[in-house]
Amino acid sequence: MGRFSRSSLFVLVAVLTVPLAFAQTDTEGSKDYPGISRIPNTYIMGYKYSQFDSFAFPVLVNKQEKEQREEGKLYFFHYKIKEGTPPGSALETIRNYENAARSAGGQVLYEYAAGINRRTTVRFKKGAAEIWLHINAYTYDYEMTIVEKQAMEQQVTVDASAMATSIADAGSVAIYGIYFDTAMSELKAESDPAVEEIAKLLTANPSLKVYIVGHTDMVGDPASNVKLSQARAQSVINALVSKHGIAASRLIAFGNGPYAPVAKNTTDEGRARNRRVELVEIATK
C-alpha cells in the first residue's frame, strides 16, 4: 500500500458557494481529521473523538459482507450541506473519498447502495499509520468514521510481584498487556514488557508451572476463536522459551476462545476485557 500524499488527501473539483446569511458553523470543539478534507460547503453538526476505541467496519470477503473491528484513535464526523447550497449526491460523496484513497495507494474494501443511501469502507496509509475510514452518505449529509489503527497504550500494568500475589491468592492472573493484530496469533512488539514480567515471575519461582490460557471475545465463529486463542497462547510460550530461557516443560498452552468471559460481550469495553491472556497455576498437590 502506498504512502500518504504530501498534499491534502482530497482534491475536489467543484467548489460551491453559499451566501453568508445561510452559513452554519462547526460544532464547538470540532475540526477535520488532519489531511482529509470535507465536501465543500458542509459544516460539522456532530463530532466525537476518543483516544482509544473501536469500530466494526463492514468489508467484503469473498463477496460476503462481514465486519472487521479495528481499534485505535477514533474520530466521528457528521457533515451537513449548508443551507442554500445545491445538493450533490451520496454517490458523489463516496466516490470522492474512494478515489482519494486510491490515489494515496489505498483500497476500497466495501461499497453499498440502497435508494439515496451509499456507504463505503476504505483503508490507506498516512505516514506510518494505517487509517480505516467508513462513509455513510445521503443527499444532504454524510457521516464519516475514522480509526487511526494502533494498539492501546497500556496504563494499568501488572508486574511480576503483583502476578505472584494474584497466583498465591487465586491461582491465576489475567494479563492485559499482550497484543495481537485482529485474527492473528503473532505477538506484537508492544507485548514485550508484559512477557518480560511473566519471565521474571517464572525465574523468581522456579517450581512454578502454569497454563498459558488464551481468551477471545465472541466476535466471529466460536471454533475459530478457540483455535486462535490456542495459537496466541502458544506464541506467548514461544517468546518465553526463545527470548527468556524459560523451560518449555513448565508451560502448557490452552485456548479457551470465548467461553470464559469476565465482562459482557455486548459492549466494546466488555469485549476488550474478554480479550486477554491468563496464567493459571498447575497444582502439583
Protein backbone atom coordinates (compact mmCIF):
# COMPACT_ATOMS: atom_id res chain seq x y z
CA MET A 1 0.00 0.00 0.00
CA GLY A 2 1.41 3.39 -0.94
CA ARG A 3 2.29 6.18 1.44
CA PHE A 4 0.13 9.17 2.15
CA SER A 5 0.27 12.06 -0.32
CA ARG A 6 2.18 15.12 0.81
CA SER A 7 -0.58 17.36 -0.39
CA SER A 8 -4.09 17.40 1.04
CA LEU A 9 -5.66 13.99 0.61
CA PHE A 10 -8.69 15.19 -1.26
CA VAL A 11 -8.83 17.37 -4.37
CA LEU A 12 -12.45 18.21 -5.04
CA VAL A 13 -13.17 19.64 -8.49
CA ALA A 14 -16.29 21.70 -7.89
CA VAL A 15 -16.20 24.43 -5.24
CA LEU A 16 -19.68 25.63 -4.40
CA THR A 17 -20.53 29.00 -2.92
CA VAL A 18 -23.17 29.88 -0.35
CA PRO A 19 -24.48 33.24 0.89
CA LEU A 20 -23.02 34.18 4.26
CA ALA A 21 -26.53 34.73 5.56
CA PHE A 22 -27.10 30.99 5.48
CA ALA A 23 -23.65 29.85 6.70
CA GLN A 24 -23.71 27.34 9.53
CA THR A 25 -20.70 26.83 11.78
CA ASP A 26 -18.94 23.71 13.00
CA THR A 27 -19.98 22.34 16.36
CA GLU A 28 -17.82 23.66 19.19
CA GLY A 29 -14.51 21.81 19.65
CA SER A 30 -14.69 20.00 16.32
CA LYS A 31 -12.18 20.04 13.49
CA ASP A 32 -11.48 17.99 10.36
CA TYR A 33 -9.21 14.99 10.57
CA PRO A 34 -5.69 16.16 9.57
CA GLY A 35 -5.10 15.69 5.85
CA ILE A 36 -8.66 14.65 4.99
CA SER A 37 -10.86 17.47 3.75
CA ARG A 38 -14.63 17.65 3.81
CA ILE A 39 -17.01 18.06 0.89
CA PRO A 40 -17.11 21.84 0.19
CA ASN A 41 -19.86 23.92 1.77
CA THR A 42 -20.60 21.49 4.55
CA TYR A 43 -20.32 22.03 8.28
CA ILE A 44 -19.74 19.67 11.21
CA MET A 45 -23.02 19.19 13.05
CA GLY A 46 -21.82 16.18 15.07
CA TYR A 47 -18.35 15.26 16.32
CA LYS A 48 -16.74 12.70 18.60
CA TYR A 49 -13.11 11.88 19.39
CA SER A 50 -11.75 9.08 21.55
CA GLN A 51 -8.10 8.41 22.33
CA PHE A 52 -8.80 4.67 22.12
CA ASP A 53 -11.95 2.95 20.91
CA SER A 54 -13.09 0.52 18.22
CA PHE A 55 -15.46 0.42 15.25
CA ALA A 56 -16.87 -2.53 13.29
CA PHE A 57 -16.13 -1.72 9.64
CA PRO A 58 -18.22 -3.52 7.01
CA VAL A 59 -15.95 -5.28 4.50
CA LEU A 60 -16.40 -7.75 1.66
CA VAL A 61 -14.60 -11.08 1.99
CA ASN A 62 -15.10 -13.49 -0.91
CA LYS A 63 -18.12 -11.38 -1.92
CA GLN A 64 -19.68 -11.87 1.51
CA GLU A 65 -20.35 -8.90 3.80
CA LYS A 66 -18.53 -9.21 7.12
CA GLU A 67 -17.47 -6.91 9.94
CA GLN A 68 -13.87 -6.18 10.82
CA ARG A 69 -13.39 -4.42 14.14
CA GLU A 70 -10.38 -2.10 14.29
CA GLU A 71 -9.02 -0.32 17.36
CA GLY A 72 -7.15 2.94 17.86
CA LYS A 73 -7.86 6.65 17.84
CA LEU A 74 -11.49 7.07 16.79
CA TYR A 75 -12.99 10.11 15.07
CA PHE A 76 -16.65 10.55 14.15
CA PHE A 77 -17.96 13.41 11.98
CA HIS A 78 -21.48 14.25 10.86
CA TYR A 79 -21.27 16.71 7.98
CA LYS A 80 -24.31 18.57 6.64
CA ILE A 81 -24.65 20.71 3.50
CA LYS A 82 -25.11 24.38 4.31
CA GLU A 83 -28.48 25.95 3.61
CA GLY A 84 -28.77 27.45 0.14
CA THR A 85 -26.18 25.09 -1.34
CA PRO A 86 -27.34 22.90 -4.26
CA PRO A 87 -27.14 19.28 -3.08
CA GLY A 88 -24.82 16.80 -4.67
CA SER A 89 -25.47 13.09 -4.26
CA ALA A 90 -24.45 10.30 -1.93
CA LEU A 91 -22.66 8.63 -4.84
CA GLU A 92 -20.62 11.78 -5.49
CA THR A 93 -19.62 11.88 -1.82
CA ILE A 94 -18.37 8.31 -1.57
CA ARG A 95 -16.64 8.46 -4.97
CA ASN A 96 -14.63 11.48 -3.80
CA TYR A 97 -13.36 9.56 -0.78
CA GLU A 98 -12.81 6.30 -2.65
CA ASN A 99 -10.84 8.00 -5.44
CA ALA A 100 -8.75 9.96 -2.95
CA ALA A 101 -7.95 6.78 -1.01
CA ARG A 102 -6.90 5.01 -4.20
CA SER A 103 -4.70 7.96 -5.17
CA ALA A 104 -2.94 7.54 -1.81
CA GLY A 105 -2.32 3.86 -2.56
CA GLY A 106 -5.29 2.66 -0.53
CA GLN A 107 -8.07 0.16 -1.11
CA VAL A 108 -11.85 0.20 -1.26
CA LEU A 109 -12.98 -2.69 0.94
CA TYR A 110 -16.76 -2.28 0.79
CA GLU A 111 -19.49 -0.45 -1.08
CA TYR A 112 -23.26 -0.47 -0.53
CA ALA A 113 -26.18 1.27 -2.22
CA ALA A 114 -29.89 1.41 -1.30
CA GLY A 115 -32.04 4.25 -2.56
CA ILE A 116 -30.42 7.56 -1.67
CA ASN A 117 -28.06 5.91 0.82
CA ARG A 118 -24.48 4.99 -0.12
CA ARG A 119 -21.77 3.57 2.11
CA THR A 120 -18.14 2.70 1.66
CA THR A 121 -15.14 1.46 3.66
CA VAL A 122 -11.62 2.40 2.59
CA ARG A 123 -8.18 1.72 4.03
CA PHE A 124 -4.95 3.60 3.35
CA LYS A 125 -1.63 4.65 4.87
CA LYS A 126 -0.92 8.04 6.38
CA GLY A 127 2.78 8.07 7.15
CA ALA A 128 3.36 5.02 9.35
CA ALA A 129 -0.28 4.85 10.45
CA GLU A 130 -2.95 2.60 8.94
CA ILE A 131 -6.21 4.52 8.51
CA TRP A 132 -9.64 2.91 8.25
CA LEU A 133 -12.49 5.14 7.06
CA HIS A 134 -16.22 4.50 6.69
CA ILE A 135 -18.64 6.86 4.94
CA ASN A 136 -22.43 6.69 5.35
CA ALA A 137 -23.79 9.23 2.84
CA TYR A 138 -27.17 10.71 1.92
CA THR A 139 -28.15 13.64 -0.33
CA TYR A 140 -27.85 16.44 2.23
CA ASP A 141 -25.46 14.98 4.82
CA TYR A 142 -22.95 12.24 5.48
CA GLU A 143 -21.26 10.54 8.42
CA MET A 144 -17.56 9.71 8.47
CA THR A 145 -15.94 7.36 10.99
CA ILE A 146 -12.15 7.12 11.10
CA VAL A 147 -9.96 4.76 13.11
CA GLU A 148 -6.26 5.52 13.21
CA LYS A 149 -5.23 1.97 13.94
CA GLN A 150 -2.95 1.41 16.91
CA ALA A 151 -2.56 -0.72 20.00
CA MET A 152 -3.86 0.75 23.23
CA GLU A 153 -1.27 2.46 25.39
CA GLN A 154 -1.40 0.24 28.45
CA GLN A 155 -1.98 2.41 31.52
CA VAL A 156 -2.62 -0.34 34.06
CA THR A 157 0.31 -2.71 34.37
CA VAL A 158 0.79 -5.92 36.34
CA ASP A 159 4.39 -6.58 37.32
CA ALA A 160 5.94 -9.87 38.41
CA SER A 161 5.31 -9.17 42.08
CA ALA A 162 1.60 -8.47 41.53
CA MET A 163 1.34 -11.61 39.36
CA ALA A 164 2.86 -13.70 42.16
CA THR A 165 0.41 -12.27 44.69
CA SER A 166 -2.60 -12.98 42.46
CA ILE A 167 -1.47 -16.56 41.79
CA ALA A 168 -0.86 -17.15 45.52
CA ASP A 169 -4.32 -15.80 46.37
CA ALA A 170 -6.45 -17.03 43.47
CA GLY A 171 -4.31 -19.48 41.49
CA SER A 172 -4.41 -17.31 38.38
CA VAL A 173 -3.75 -13.83 36.98
CA ALA A 174 -5.10 -12.06 33.90
CA ILE A 175 -2.56 -10.24 31.68
CA TYR A 176 -3.83 -7.37 29.50
CA GLY A 177 -0.55 -6.06 28.11
CA ILE A 178 -0.23 -8.72 25.39
CA TYR A 179 -1.27 -7.63 21.88
CA PHE A 180 -2.12 -9.26 18.56
CA ASP A 181 -3.46 -7.94 15.29
CA THR A 182 -7.08 -8.84 14.54
CA ALA A 183 -7.44 -12.57 13.77
CA MET A 184 -3.65 -13.06 14.05
CA SER A 185 -1.56 -15.01 16.57
CA GLU A 186 1.85 -13.37 16.17
CA LEU A 187 2.86 -11.32 19.20
CA LYS A 188 3.18 -7.60 18.59
CA ALA A 189 6.27 -5.75 19.81
CA GLU A 190 4.14 -3.84 22.34
CA SER A 191 3.75 -7.16 24.22
CA ASP A 192 7.43 -7.34 25.21
CA PRO A 193 7.12 -5.61 28.63
CA ALA A 194 4.31 -7.93 29.77
CA VAL A 195 6.11 -11.05 28.53
CA GLU A 196 9.24 -9.90 30.36
CA GLU A 197 7.28 -9.59 33.62
CA ILE A 198 5.93 -13.13 33.17
CA ALA A 199 9.51 -14.31 32.66
CA LYS A 200 10.59 -12.54 35.87
CA LEU A 201 7.76 -14.26 37.75
CA LEU A 202 8.80 -17.70 36.47
CA THR A 203 12.51 -17.08 37.07
CA ALA A 204 11.88 -15.97 40.65
CA ASN A 205 9.65 -19.02 41.28
CA PRO A 206 11.49 -21.95 39.64
CA SER A 207 9.00 -24.57 40.87
CA LEU A 208 6.01 -22.73 39.37
CA LYS A 209 4.34 -24.32 36.34
CA VAL A 210 1.47 -22.59 34.57
CA TYR A 211 -1.11 -22.96 31.88
CA ILE A 212 -0.90 -20.06 29.44
CA VAL A 213 -4.59 -19.60 28.59
CA GLY A 214 -5.76 -17.56 25.60
CA HIS A 215 -9.18 -15.87 25.64
CA THR A 216 -11.12 -14.05 22.91
CA ASP A 217 -14.34 -12.09 22.71
CA MET A 218 -17.46 -13.51 20.99
CA VAL A 219 -16.97 -11.78 17.63
CA GLY A 220 -16.72 -14.41 14.90
CA ASP A 221 -17.02 -18.18 14.83
CA PRO A 222 -16.51 -19.85 18.26
CA ALA A 223 -14.49 -22.76 16.87
CA SER A 224 -12.18 -20.38 15.01
CA ASN A 225 -11.77 -18.30 18.17
CA VAL A 226 -10.77 -21.39 20.17
CA LYS A 227 -8.14 -22.23 17.57
CA LEU A 228 -6.93 -18.62 17.52
CA SER A 229 -6.69 -18.41 21.31
CA GLN A 230 -4.68 -21.65 21.38
CA ALA A 231 -2.24 -20.24 18.81
CA ARG A 232 -1.92 -16.99 20.74
CA ALA A 233 -1.19 -18.84 23.98
CA GLN A 234 1.48 -20.85 22.18
CA SER A 235 3.03 -17.62 20.85
CA VAL A 236 3.47 -16.42 24.43
CA ILE A 237 5.15 -19.70 25.34
CA ASN A 238 7.44 -19.48 22.33
CA ALA A 239 8.55 -16.00 23.40
CA LEU A 240 9.16 -17.08 26.99
CA VAL A 241 11.26 -20.04 25.85
CA SER A 242 13.20 -18.42 23.00
CA LYS A 243 13.76 -14.94 24.43
CA HIS A 244 13.87 -15.55 28.18
CA GLY A 245 15.13 -19.11 28.57
CA ILE A 246 12.12 -20.46 30.44
CA ALA A 247 11.88 -24.26 30.24
CA ALA A 248 9.07 -25.33 27.92
CA SER A 249 8.21 -28.16 30.35
CA ARG A 250 6.88 -25.55 32.79
CA LEU A 251 4.34 -24.16 30.32
CA ILE A 252 1.20 -25.58 28.72
CA ALA A 253 -0.85 -23.65 26.14
CA PHE A 254 -4.63 -23.77 26.26
CA GLY A 255 -7.13 -21.97 24.04
CA ASN A 256 -10.42 -21.14 25.77
CA GLY A 257 -11.79 -18.95 22.99
CA PRO A 258 -14.91 -17.01 24.06
CA TYR A 259 -16.02 -19.46 26.76
CA ALA A 260 -14.82 -17.71 29.94
CA PRO A 261 -15.84 -14.04 29.67
CA VAL A 262 -15.16 -11.66 32.54
CA ALA A 263 -17.45 -8.95 31.10
CA LYS A 264 -20.44 -8.64 28.77
CA ASN A 265 -19.69 -9.10 25.08
CA THR A 266 -22.33 -6.55 24.08
CA THR A 267 -20.04 -3.51 24.56
CA ASP A 268 -16.64 -2.55 23.19
CA GLU A 269 -15.29 -2.21 26.73
CA GLY A 270 -16.54 -5.66 27.69
CA ARG A 271 -15.08 -7.30 24.60
CA ALA A 272 -11.71 -5.62 25.30
CA ARG A 273 -11.68 -7.09 28.82
CA ASN A 274 -12.50 -10.54 27.48
CA ARG A 275 -9.56 -10.49 25.06
CA ARG A 276 -6.77 -11.48 27.43
CA VAL A 277 -4.07 -13.99 28.30
CA GLU A 278 -4.25 -15.67 31.68
CA LEU A 279 -1.70 -17.56 33.77
CA VAL A 280 -3.22 -20.46 35.72
CA GLU A 281 -1.09 -22.30 38.25
CA ILE A 282 -0.66 -26.03 37.62
CA ALA A 283 -1.21 -27.53 41.05
CA THR A 284 1.17 -30.36 41.93
CA LYS A 285 -0.51 -31.42 45.16
